[in-house]
Amino acid sequence: MEDKSFETRLQHLENRLKTPYYTRRVGLSRQENPLIRGGIEFFSGVAANMLLGIAVDKYWHTYPYGLVIMFLVGICTGFVNVFRLVNKKPRS
């Protein structure tokens, strides 16, 4: 009886080792995890607006005002993106 129990535990351990630690722990893949997706949404909003702010500063020679203003707009955009992500209704 113990050999069968040992074999099943060994098989279970092998199956666990085949799956990545992150997937075992959270139960979601990296694309499905709302924390990672929220971080990417926030960062992309801030980064895109900062790049736009740098372009505005170079075009109108207004350094650092365009960068600062677009950084603040980027933070607002990032929060709106995360808010939309959190309030999205799940697929049924």
Protein backbone atom coordinates (compact mmCIF):
# COMPACT_ATOMS: atom_id res chain seq x y z
CA MET A 1 0.00 0.00 0.00
CA GLU A 2 2.82 2.40 0.81
CA ASP A 3 4.43 1.91 -2.60
CA LYS A 4 1.25 3.10 -4.31
CA SER A 5 0.99 6.08 -2.00
CA PHE A 6 4.63 6.92 -2.65
CA GLU A 7 4.14 6.61 -6.42
CA THR A 8 1.10 8.89 -6.39
CA ARG A 9 2.92 11.49 -4.29
CA LEU A 10 5.93 11.27 -6.60
CA GLN A 11 3.70 11.72 -9.64
CA HIS A 12 1.99 14.69 -8.00
CA LEU A 13 5.38 16.25 -7.24
CA GLU A 14 6.54 15.76 -10.84
CA ASN A 15 3.38 17.45 -12.11
CA ARG A 16 3.90 20.39 -9.76
CA LEU A 17 7.50 20.79 -10.86
CA LYS A 18 6.46 20.93 -14.51
CA THR A 19 4.24 23.98 -13.97
CA PRO A 20 5.89 27.34 -13.23
CA TYR A 21 5.88 28.52 -9.62
CA TYR A 22 3.90 31.65 -10.46
CA THR A 23 1.10 29.66 -12.09
CA ARG A 24 0.93 27.23 -9.17
CA ARG A 25 0.81 29.99 -6.58
CA VAL A 26 -1.63 32.43 -8.14
CA GLY A 27 -3.51 30.11 -10.46
CA LEU A 28 -3.34 32.56 -13.38
CA SER A 29 -0.98 32.97 -16.25
CA ARG A 30 0.97 36.23 -16.55
CA GLN A 31 -1.42 37.57 -19.19
CA GLU A 32 -4.48 36.91 -17.02
CA ASN A 33 -3.13 38.35 -13.78
CA PRO A 34 -4.85 41.66 -13.05
CA LEU A 35 -1.94 42.95 -10.95
CA ILE A 36 0.57 42.64 -13.75
CA ARG A 37 -1.90 43.91 -16.33
CA GLY A 38 -2.79 46.88 -14.10
CA GLY A 39 0.86 47.76 -13.64
CA ILE A 40 1.47 47.64 -17.37
CA GLU A 41 -1.62 49.76 -18.05
CA PHE A 42 -0.51 52.37 -15.51
CA PHE A 43 3.09 52.47 -16.68
CA SER A 44 2.17 52.66 -20.35
CA GLY A 45 -0.13 55.64 -19.71
CA VAL A 46 2.59 57.50 -17.83
CA ALA A 47 5.36 56.60 -20.31
CA ALA A 48 3.35 57.56 -23.40
CA ASN A 49 2.40 60.92 -21.97
CA MET A 50 5.95 61.63 -20.81
CA LEU A 51 7.26 60.94 -24.31
CA LEU A 52 4.62 63.30 -25.65
CA GLY A 53 5.71 65.89 -23.08
CA ILE A 54 9.34 65.59 -24.19
CA ALA A 55 8.26 66.08 -27.81
CA VAL A 56 6.21 69.17 -26.85
CA ASP A 57 9.19 70.60 -24.95
CA LYS A 58 11.54 70.09 -27.89
CA TYR A 59 9.08 71.59 -30.37
CA TRP A 60 8.13 74.68 -28.34
CA HIS A 61 11.35 74.98 -26.25
CA THR A 62 9.42 74.95 -22.97
CA TYR A 63 11.52 72.52 -20.95
CA PRO A 64 10.47 71.26 -18.29
CA TYR A 65 6.87 72.49 -18.32
CA GLY A 66 5.58 70.17 -21.04
CA LEU A 67 7.21 67.18 -19.41
CA VAL A 68 5.80 67.97 -15.96
CA ILE A 69 2.30 68.67 -17.26
CA MET A 70 2.24 65.56 -19.41
CA PHE A 71 3.62 63.50 -16.51
CA LEU A 72 0.64 64.57 -14.40
CA VAL A 73 -1.73 63.87 -17.29
CA GLY A 74 -0.04 60.46 -17.66
CA ILE A 75 -0.67 59.64 -14.01
CA CYS A 76 -4.34 60.51 -14.48
CA THR A 77 -4.44 58.41 -17.65
CA GLY A 78 -2.81 55.49 -15.84
CA PHE A 79 -5.35 55.65 -13.03
CA VAL A 80 -8.21 55.77 -15.53
CA ASN A 81 -6.79 52.72 -17.33
CA VAL A 82 -6.48 50.78 -14.07
CA PHE A 83 -9.97 51.89 -13.00
CA ARG A 84 -11.40 50.60 -16.29
CA LEU A 85 -9.54 47.33 -15.87
CA VAL A 86 -10.78 46.82 -12.32
CA ASN A 87 -14.38 47.64 -13.19
CA LYS A 88 -14.48 45.47 -16.30
CA LYS A 89 -17.22 42.88 -16.14
CA PRO A 90 -15.92 39.32 -16.43
CA ARG A 91 -16.76 37.30 -19.54
CA SER A 92 -19.56 34.86 -18.99
